[in-house]
Amino acid sequence: DFLTRTTTILATLFILLSISLAFVAAKKGGTGEIDSSLQRTEVPTAPAAPVTSAPASATPGSAPATEVPLDK
């Protein structure tokens, strides 16, 4: 009974405090803008290098397969 009553009182206090703080924040006004001092800036990108087609040195099928030991 004690824990139930304490939980109810604390929950009611929490809700009332939350509503009160929301009301105060709404009345305070302000610009409604979030702090933008940490806003990311765009980094200029370097021009892309031309793509050259180079012949493949080895095909995936020509590489030797390695065996993996299986632990049982």
N, C-alpha and C. Protein backbone atom coordinates (compact mmCIF):
# COMPACT_ATOMS: atom_id res chain seq x y z
N ASP A 1 0.83 -1.19 0.00
CA ASP A 1 0.00 0.00 0.00
C ASP A 1 0.88 1.26 0.00
N PHE A 2 1.98 1.21 0.75
CA PHE A 2 2.88 2.37 0.82
C PHE A 2 3.51 2.65 -0.54
N LEU A 3 4.01 1.61 -1.21
CA LEU A 3 4.65 1.81 -2.51
C LEU A 3 3.65 2.28 -3.57
N THR A 4 2.45 1.76 -3.52
CA THR A 4 1.42 2.18 -4.48
C THR A 4 1.07 3.65 -4.29
N ARG A 5 0.88 4.05 -3.05
CA ARG A 5 0.54 5.44 -2.76
C ARG A 5 1.69 6.37 -3.13
N THR A 6 2.92 5.98 -2.81
CA THR A 6 4.08 6.81 -3.13
C THR A 6 4.25 6.94 -4.64
N THR A 7 4.09 5.85 -5.35
CA THR A 7 4.21 5.89 -6.81
C THR A 7 3.15 6.79 -7.43
N THR A 8 1.93 6.71 -6.93
CA THR A 8 0.85 7.55 -7.44
C THR A 8 1.14 9.03 -7.20
N ILE A 9 1.60 9.35 -6.01
CA ILE A 9 1.90 10.76 -5.68
C ILE A 9 3.05 11.27 -6.54
N LEU A 10 4.10 10.48 -6.68
CA LEU A 10 5.24 10.92 -7.48
C LEU A 10 4.89 11.03 -8.97
N ALA A 11 4.07 10.12 -9.47
CA ALA A 11 3.65 10.20 -10.87
C ALA A 11 2.81 11.45 -11.12
N THR A 12 1.91 11.74 -10.20
CA THR A 12 1.08 12.95 -10.32
C THR A 12 1.95 14.20 -10.27
N LEU A 13 2.91 14.22 -9.36
CA LEU A 13 3.82 15.36 -9.26
C LEU A 13 4.63 15.52 -10.54
N PHE A 14 5.08 14.42 -11.11
CA PHE A 14 5.85 14.47 -12.35
C PHE A 14 5.02 15.04 -13.50
N ILE A 15 3.79 14.59 -13.64
CA ILE A 15 2.92 15.07 -14.71
C ILE A 15 2.63 16.56 -14.54
N LEU A 16 2.31 16.98 -13.32
CA LEU A 16 2.03 18.39 -13.07
C LEU A 16 3.27 19.26 -13.34
N LEU A 17 4.43 18.79 -12.94
CA LEU A 17 5.65 19.53 -13.18
C LEU A 17 5.95 19.62 -14.68
N SER A 18 5.72 18.55 -15.41
CA SER A 18 5.96 18.56 -16.86
C SER A 18 5.03 19.54 -17.56
N ILE A 19 3.76 19.54 -17.17
CA ILE A 19 2.80 20.47 -17.77
C ILE A 19 3.17 21.91 -17.42
N SER A 20 3.58 22.14 -16.18
CA SER A 20 3.98 23.49 -15.76
C SER A 20 5.18 23.98 -16.54
N LEU A 21 6.18 23.14 -16.70
CA LEU A 21 7.37 23.55 -17.45
C LEU A 21 7.05 23.80 -18.93
N ALA A 22 6.17 23.02 -19.50
CA ALA A 22 5.76 23.24 -20.89
C ALA A 22 5.03 24.57 -21.02
N PHE A 23 4.20 24.89 -20.04
CA PHE A 23 3.48 26.16 -20.06
C PHE A 23 4.44 27.34 -19.93
N VAL A 24 5.41 27.24 -19.03
CA VAL A 24 6.39 28.31 -18.84
C VAL A 24 7.23 28.49 -20.11
N ALA A 25 7.63 27.40 -20.72
CA ALA A 25 8.43 27.48 -21.94
C ALA A 25 7.63 28.11 -23.08
N ALA A 26 6.34 27.82 -23.16
CA ALA A 26 5.51 28.39 -24.21
C ALA A 26 5.29 29.88 -23.98
N LYS A 27 5.14 30.28 -22.74
CA LYS A 27 4.92 31.70 -22.43
C LYS A 27 6.19 32.52 -22.58
N LYS A 28 7.34 31.90 -22.37
CA LYS A 28 8.61 32.61 -22.44
C LYS A 28 8.84 33.17 -23.84
N GLY A 29 8.35 32.47 -24.83
CA GLY A 29 8.48 32.95 -26.20
C GLY A 29 9.85 32.63 -26.75
N GLY A 30 10.50 33.62 -27.30
CA GLY A 30 11.81 33.39 -27.90
C GLY A 30 11.66 33.26 -29.40
N THR A 31 12.74 32.90 -30.02
CA THR A 31 12.73 32.79 -31.47
C THR A 31 12.20 31.45 -31.94
N GLY A 32 12.12 30.48 -31.05
CA GLY A 32 11.67 29.16 -31.45
C GLY A 32 12.72 28.42 -32.26
N GLU A 33 13.93 28.93 -32.21
CA GLU A 33 15.02 28.36 -32.99
C GLU A 33 15.91 27.52 -32.09
N ILE A 34 16.31 26.40 -32.59
CA ILE A 34 17.23 25.53 -31.86
C ILE A 34 18.64 26.09 -32.02
N ASP A 35 19.47 25.89 -31.01
CA ASP A 35 20.85 26.36 -31.06
C ASP A 35 21.53 25.81 -32.30
N SER A 36 22.03 26.70 -33.14
CA SER A 36 22.65 26.26 -34.39
C SER A 36 24.15 26.51 -34.38
N SER A 37 24.75 26.70 -33.21
CA SER A 37 26.18 26.97 -33.16
C SER A 37 27.01 25.75 -33.54
N LEU A 38 26.45 24.56 -33.42
CA LEU A 38 27.17 23.34 -33.77
C LEU A 38 26.72 22.77 -35.10
N GLN A 39 26.08 23.58 -35.90
CA GLN A 39 25.55 23.13 -37.18
C GLN A 39 26.70 22.79 -38.13
N ARG A 40 26.54 21.71 -38.87
CA ARG A 40 27.58 21.29 -39.80
C ARG A 40 27.61 22.21 -41.01
N THR A 41 28.81 22.45 -41.49
CA THR A 41 28.96 23.24 -42.71
C THR A 41 29.37 22.30 -43.83
N GLU A 42 29.02 22.67 -45.03
CA GLU A 42 29.34 21.83 -46.18
C GLU A 42 30.82 21.96 -46.51
N VAL A 43 31.45 20.83 -46.75
CA VAL A 43 32.86 20.81 -47.13
C VAL A 43 32.91 20.77 -48.65
N PRO A 44 33.67 21.68 -49.25
CA PRO A 44 33.74 21.65 -50.72
C PRO A 44 34.40 20.36 -51.18
N THR A 45 33.81 19.78 -52.20
CA THR A 45 34.33 18.51 -52.71
C THR A 45 35.34 18.77 -53.82
N ALA A 46 36.35 17.93 -53.88
CA ALA A 46 37.36 18.04 -54.93
C ALA A 46 36.79 17.46 -56.22
N PRO A 47 37.22 17.97 -57.35
CA PRO A 47 36.72 17.41 -58.61
C PRO A 47 37.15 15.95 -58.73
N ALA A 48 36.29 15.17 -59.31
CA ALA A 48 36.55 13.74 -59.44
C ALA A 48 37.65 13.49 -60.47
N ALA A 49 38.51 12.53 -60.17
CA ALA A 49 39.58 12.17 -61.10
C ALA A 49 38.99 11.35 -62.24
N PRO A 50 39.53 11.48 -63.42
CA PRO A 50 39.00 10.69 -64.54
C PRO A 50 39.22 9.20 -64.29
N VAL A 51 38.25 8.43 -64.69
CA VAL A 51 38.31 6.98 -64.50
C VAL A 51 39.05 6.37 -65.68
N THR A 52 40.08 5.59 -65.37
CA THR A 52 40.80 4.90 -66.42
C THR A 52 40.56 3.41 -66.26
N SER A 53 40.45 2.74 -67.38
CA SER A 53 40.22 1.30 -67.31
C SER A 53 41.56 0.59 -67.34
N ALA A 54 41.89 -0.08 -66.24
CA ALA A 54 43.14 -0.84 -66.16
C ALA A 54 42.80 -2.32 -66.26
N PRO A 55 43.63 -3.09 -66.93
CA PRO A 55 43.35 -4.52 -67.03
C PRO A 55 43.46 -5.18 -65.66
N ALA A 56 42.60 -6.15 -65.44
CA ALA A 56 42.62 -6.87 -64.17
C ALA A 56 43.87 -7.73 -64.12
N SER A 57 44.55 -7.75 -62.95
CA SER A 57 45.80 -8.50 -62.84
C SER A 57 45.54 -9.99 -62.70
N ALA A 58 44.50 -10.35 -61.99
CA ALA A 58 44.20 -11.77 -61.81
C ALA A 58 42.70 -11.92 -61.66
N THR A 59 42.20 -12.98 -62.17
CA THR A 59 40.77 -13.24 -62.02
C THR A 59 40.55 -13.95 -60.69
N PRO A 60 39.42 -13.79 -60.08
CA PRO A 60 39.17 -14.43 -58.79
C PRO A 60 39.26 -15.95 -58.84
N GLY A 61 38.98 -16.56 -59.96
CA GLY A 61 39.01 -18.01 -60.06
C GLY A 61 40.42 -18.57 -60.12
N SER A 62 41.43 -17.74 -60.44
CA SER A 62 42.79 -18.26 -60.58
C SER A 62 43.54 -18.30 -59.26
N ALA A 63 43.02 -17.70 -58.22
CA ALA A 63 43.69 -17.73 -56.92
C ALA A 63 43.48 -19.09 -56.28
N PRO A 64 44.52 -19.64 -55.63
CA PRO A 64 44.36 -20.95 -54.99
C PRO A 64 43.43 -20.86 -53.79
N ALA A 65 42.62 -21.87 -53.64
CA ALA A 65 41.70 -21.91 -52.51
C ALA A 65 42.44 -22.44 -51.30
N THR A 66 42.18 -21.86 -50.15
CA THR A 66 42.80 -22.34 -48.92
C THR A 66 41.78 -23.14 -48.14
N GLU A 67 42.27 -24.16 -47.46
CA GLU A 67 41.37 -24.99 -46.68
C GLU A 67 41.28 -24.45 -45.26
N VAL A 68 40.09 -24.46 -44.72
CA VAL A 68 39.85 -24.00 -43.36
C VAL A 68 39.58 -25.23 -42.51
N PRO A 69 40.38 -25.46 -41.45
CA PRO A 69 40.12 -26.64 -40.61
C PRO A 69 38.82 -26.48 -39.85
N LEU A 70 38.07 -27.55 -39.77
CA LEU A 70 36.81 -27.53 -39.05
C LEU A 70 36.99 -28.20 -37.70
N ASP A 71 36.63 -27.52 -36.64
CA ASP A 71 36.70 -28.10 -35.31
C ASP A 71 35.39 -28.81 -35.01
N LYS A 72 35.49 -30.03 -34.51
CA LYS A 72 34.28 -30.78 -34.19
C LYS A 72 34.21 -31.04 -32.72
